[in-house]
N, C-alpha and C. Protein backbone atom coordinates (compact mmCIF):
# COMPACT_ATOMS: atom_id res chain seq x y z
N MET A 1 -260.70 -111.25 -157.75
CA MET A 1 -259.97 -112.03 -156.36
C MET A 1 -259.73 -110.95 -155.49
N GLY A 2 -259.99 -111.64 -153.72
CA GLY A 2 -259.46 -110.51 -153.31
C GLY A 2 -258.29 -110.81 -152.65
N ARG A 3 -257.67 -109.59 -151.95
CA ARG A 3 -256.44 -108.79 -151.24
C ARG A 3 -256.03 -110.10 -150.91
N ILE A 4 -254.28 -110.65 -150.91
CA ILE A 4 -253.93 -111.20 -150.46
C ILE A 4 -253.31 -110.74 -148.50
N TYR A 5 -252.84 -110.16 -149.16
CA TYR A 5 -252.45 -109.81 -147.89
C TYR A 5 -252.73 -107.87 -147.45
N PRO A 6 -253.01 -107.61 -146.32
CA PRO A 6 -253.94 -106.17 -145.47
C PRO A 6 -252.77 -104.94 -145.83
N ARG A 7 -253.04 -104.82 -147.08
CA ARG A 7 -251.51 -103.85 -147.69
C ARG A 7 -252.18 -102.10 -147.06
N SER A 8 -252.78 -101.65 -145.50
CA SER A 8 -252.41 -100.63 -146.02
C SER A 8 -251.48 -101.27 -144.74
N SER A 9 -252.29 -102.11 -144.01
CA SER A 9 -251.13 -102.46 -142.74
C SER A 9 -250.02 -102.41 -142.72
N LEU A 10 -249.64 -103.26 -143.99
CA LEU A 10 -248.21 -103.45 -144.47
C LEU A 10 -248.08 -101.79 -144.54
N ARG A 11 -248.49 -101.66 -145.15
CA ARG A 11 -247.57 -100.29 -145.55
C ARG A 11 -247.28 -99.11 -144.57
N LYS A 12 -248.31 -99.03 -143.39
CA LYS A 12 -247.78 -98.27 -142.37
C LYS A 12 -246.77 -99.19 -141.11
N ILE A 13 -246.70 -99.97 -141.56
CA ILE A 13 -245.45 -100.67 -140.55
C ILE A 13 -244.06 -100.57 -141.16
N ILE A 14 -244.28 -100.36 -142.81
CA ILE A 14 -243.37 -100.25 -143.34
C ILE A 14 -243.00 -98.57 -143.13
N LYS A 15 -244.00 -97.45 -142.86
CA LYS A 15 -243.73 -96.31 -142.82
C LYS A 15 -243.08 -96.07 -141.64
N SER A 16 -243.48 -96.69 -140.11
CA SER A 16 -243.34 -96.12 -138.97
C SER A 16 -241.75 -97.13 -138.84
N GLY A 17 -241.67 -97.72 -139.75
CA GLY A 17 -239.90 -98.48 -139.73
C GLY A 17 -239.14 -97.68 -140.22
N SER A 18 -239.67 -96.76 -141.56
CA SER A 18 -238.02 -95.95 -141.88
C SER A 18 -238.52 -94.81 -141.82
N GLY A 19 -238.35 -94.38 -140.42
CA GLY A 19 -238.27 -92.66 -140.19
C GLY A 19 -239.18 -91.75 -141.32
N ASN A 20 -240.37 -92.37 -141.66
CA ASN A 20 -241.23 -91.03 -142.61
C ASN A 20 -240.44 -91.15 -143.89
N ARG A 21 -239.28 -91.99 -144.45
CA ARG A 21 -239.41 -91.48 -145.79
C ARG A 21 -239.60 -91.39 -146.68
N ASN A 22 -239.50 -91.26 -147.69
CA ASN A 22 -240.52 -91.45 -148.93
C ASN A 22 -240.95 -92.71 -149.41
N MET A 23 -241.69 -93.63 -149.94
CA MET A 23 -241.95 -94.46 -150.17
C MET A 23 -242.80 -94.95 -151.20
N GLY A 24 -242.23 -95.37 -152.84
CA GLY A 24 -242.76 -95.35 -153.81
C GLY A 24 -244.77 -96.22 -153.74
N LYS A 25 -244.97 -96.18 -154.79
CA LYS A 25 -246.20 -96.85 -154.55
C LYS A 25 -246.35 -98.81 -153.85
N ARG A 26 -245.40 -98.96 -154.71
CA ARG A 26 -245.36 -100.60 -154.68
C ARG A 26 -244.12 -100.78 -154.16
N VAL A 27 -244.09 -100.48 -153.24
CA VAL A 27 -243.04 -100.73 -151.60
C VAL A 27 -243.83 -101.82 -151.11
N ASP A 28 -245.13 -102.27 -150.63
CA ASP A 28 -245.28 -102.25 -149.48
C ASP A 28 -245.55 -104.12 -150.29
N LEU A 29 -245.67 -104.23 -151.73
CA LEU A 29 -245.50 -105.61 -152.68
C LEU A 29 -244.28 -105.86 -152.60
N ILE A 30 -242.94 -105.33 -152.76
CA ILE A 30 -241.76 -106.28 -152.59
C ILE A 30 -241.85 -106.61 -151.50
N VAL A 31 -241.97 -106.15 -150.61
CA VAL A 31 -241.92 -106.13 -149.19
C VAL A 31 -242.71 -107.83 -148.45
N TYR A 32 -243.57 -107.78 -149.33
CA TYR A 32 -244.91 -109.14 -149.09
C TYR A 32 -243.62 -109.74 -149.65
N LEU A 33 -243.22 -109.92 -150.96
CA LEU A 33 -243.04 -111.30 -151.58
C LEU A 33 -241.27 -111.58 -151.17
N ASN A 34 -241.06 -110.63 -150.77
CA ASN A 34 -239.84 -110.93 -150.44
C ASN A 34 -240.39 -111.42 -149.26
N TYR A 35 -240.73 -111.19 -148.16
CA TYR A 35 -241.31 -112.05 -146.63
C TYR A 35 -241.77 -113.59 -147.01
N ILE A 36 -242.64 -113.82 -148.35
CA ILE A 36 -243.21 -115.06 -148.84
C ILE A 36 -241.81 -115.89 -149.23
N LEU A 37 -240.68 -114.96 -149.68
CA LEU A 37 -239.78 -116.46 -150.27
C LEU A 37 -239.31 -116.21 -149.28
N PHE A 38 -238.85 -115.64 -148.22
CA PHE A 38 -238.28 -115.65 -147.03
C PHE A 38 -239.12 -117.29 -146.35
N LEU A 39 -240.12 -116.79 -145.88
CA LEU A 39 -240.53 -118.08 -145.26
C LEU A 39 -240.75 -119.89 -146.67
N GLU A 40 -240.45 -119.38 -147.81
CA GLU A 40 -240.60 -120.46 -148.44
C GLU A 40 -239.05 -121.31 -147.70
N GLU A 41 -237.90 -120.32 -148.32
CA GLU A 41 -236.96 -120.87 -147.98
C GLU A 41 -236.20 -121.58 -146.77
N LEU A 42 -237.41 -120.78 -145.62
CA LEU A 42 -237.23 -120.80 -144.22
C LEU A 42 -237.59 -122.80 -143.82
N LEU A 43 -238.45 -122.68 -144.48
CA LEU A 43 -239.36 -124.12 -144.51
C LEU A 43 -238.76 -124.69 -145.26
N LYS A 44 -238.28 -125.01 -146.74
CA LYS A 44 -237.07 -125.73 -147.90
C LYS A 44 -235.94 -126.42 -146.14
N GLN A 45 -235.67 -125.63 -146.01
CA GLN A 45 -234.26 -125.17 -145.34
C GLN A 45 -234.60 -126.65 -143.83
N ALA A 46 -236.16 -126.09 -143.37
CA ALA A 46 -236.35 -127.46 -141.99
C ALA A 46 -237.35 -128.91 -141.94
N ASN A 47 -237.20 -128.03 -143.67
CA ASN A 47 -237.77 -129.97 -144.39
C ASN A 47 -236.42 -130.88 -144.25
N ILE A 48 -235.14 -130.48 -145.21
CA ILE A 48 -233.84 -131.27 -144.57
C ILE A 48 -233.31 -131.08 -143.52
N GLU A 49 -233.24 -130.31 -142.95
CA GLU A 49 -233.01 -130.64 -141.66
C GLU A 49 -234.03 -131.61 -140.31
N ALA A 50 -235.03 -131.67 -140.88
CA ALA A 50 -235.34 -132.66 -140.67
C ALA A 50 -235.26 -134.28 -141.39
N ARG A 51 -235.28 -134.46 -142.71
CA ARG A 51 -235.16 -135.17 -142.40
C ARG A 51 -233.61 -135.49 -142.10
N GLN A 52 -232.64 -135.38 -142.63
CA GLN A 52 -231.49 -135.35 -142.08
C GLN A 52 -231.29 -135.88 -140.82
N ALA A 53 -232.50 -135.75 -139.92
CA ALA A 53 -232.62 -136.23 -138.03
C ALA A 53 -233.17 -137.65 -137.96
N GLY A 54 -233.79 -137.54 -139.59
CA GLY A 54 -234.64 -139.10 -139.99
C GLY A 54 -235.90 -138.57 -138.89
N ASP A 55 -236.63 -137.59 -139.10
CA ASP A 55 -237.93 -137.31 -138.16
C ASP A 55 -239.04 -137.33 -139.57
N LYS A 56 -240.19 -137.68 -139.94
CA LYS A 56 -241.05 -136.94 -140.49
C LYS A 56 -241.83 -135.83 -140.84
N MET A 57 -241.82 -134.69 -139.46
CA MET A 57 -242.13 -134.00 -139.55
C MET A 57 -241.43 -132.86 -138.84
N ILE A 58 -241.96 -131.65 -139.47
CA ILE A 58 -240.67 -130.57 -139.08
C ILE A 58 -241.30 -129.65 -138.16
N SER A 59 -240.81 -130.01 -136.88
CA SER A 59 -240.80 -129.31 -135.78
C SER A 59 -239.82 -128.27 -135.60
N GLN A 60 -240.67 -127.82 -134.14
CA GLN A 60 -239.86 -126.21 -133.58
C GLN A 60 -238.16 -126.07 -133.72
N ARG A 61 -237.85 -127.13 -133.20
CA ARG A 61 -236.60 -127.02 -133.31
C ARG A 61 -235.88 -126.82 -134.44
N HIS A 62 -236.48 -127.71 -135.36
CA HIS A 62 -235.49 -128.08 -137.11
C HIS A 62 -235.48 -126.17 -137.68
N ILE A 63 -236.90 -125.60 -137.11
CA ILE A 63 -236.90 -124.00 -137.85
C ILE A 63 -235.96 -122.88 -136.97
N ASP A 64 -235.10 -123.69 -135.11
CA ASP A 64 -234.80 -122.80 -134.69
C ASP A 64 -233.26 -123.03 -134.66
N LYS A 65 -232.91 -124.45 -135.36
CA LYS A 65 -231.98 -124.42 -136.12
C LYS A 65 -231.24 -124.18 -137.51
N VAL A 66 -231.81 -123.27 -138.37
CA VAL A 66 -231.93 -122.62 -139.35
C VAL A 66 -231.77 -122.17 -139.62
N THR A 67 -232.99 -121.75 -139.17
CA THR A 67 -233.29 -119.49 -138.64
C THR A 67 -231.74 -118.85 -139.32
N GLU A 68 -230.68 -118.89 -138.13
CA GLU A 68 -230.14 -117.79 -138.65
C GLU A 68 -229.76 -117.75 -139.96
N LYS A 69 -229.22 -119.11 -140.16
CA LYS A 69 -228.38 -119.51 -141.73
C LYS A 69 -229.28 -118.59 -142.99
N THR A 70 -230.77 -118.59 -142.70
CA THR A 70 -232.50 -118.27 -143.29
C THR A 70 -231.76 -117.16 -143.14
N LEU A 71 -232.29 -116.22 -142.36
CA LEU A 71 -231.26 -114.57 -142.33
C LEU A 71 -230.96 -113.80 -142.78
N SER A 72 -229.78 -114.68 -142.69
CA SER A 72 -227.98 -114.27 -143.27
C SER A 72 -228.31 -113.94 -144.58
N LYS A 73 -229.59 -115.20 -144.83
CA LYS A 73 -229.23 -114.96 -147.04
C LYS A 73 -229.84 -114.02 -146.88
N PHE A 74 -231.34 -113.46 -146.41
CA PHE A 74 -231.64 -112.31 -146.73
C PHE A 74 -231.53 -110.35 -146.12
N LYS A 75 -230.29 -111.22 -145.49
CA LYS A 75 -229.71 -109.43 -145.36
C LYS A 75 -229.72 -109.01 -145.91
N GLY A 76 -229.87 -107.41 -146.13
CA GLY A 76 -229.94 -106.11 -146.91
C GLY A 76 -228.53 -106.02 -147.26
């Protein structure tokens, strides 16, 4: 099975954003999984918003409406 995400690129991004602190071996995996959970929650909330508005498809405005609420759930 191939790689799901570019591990070396993600590790470089995390390392540059962390101020060169020591990182564990699997930090990139945890960050990636948290990102996937965030996207799933965002799409779920946008789908609910679209249905409440009477739309059949999710649009950019539905995502914009629920982004702040979803981001606040995932704050560290």
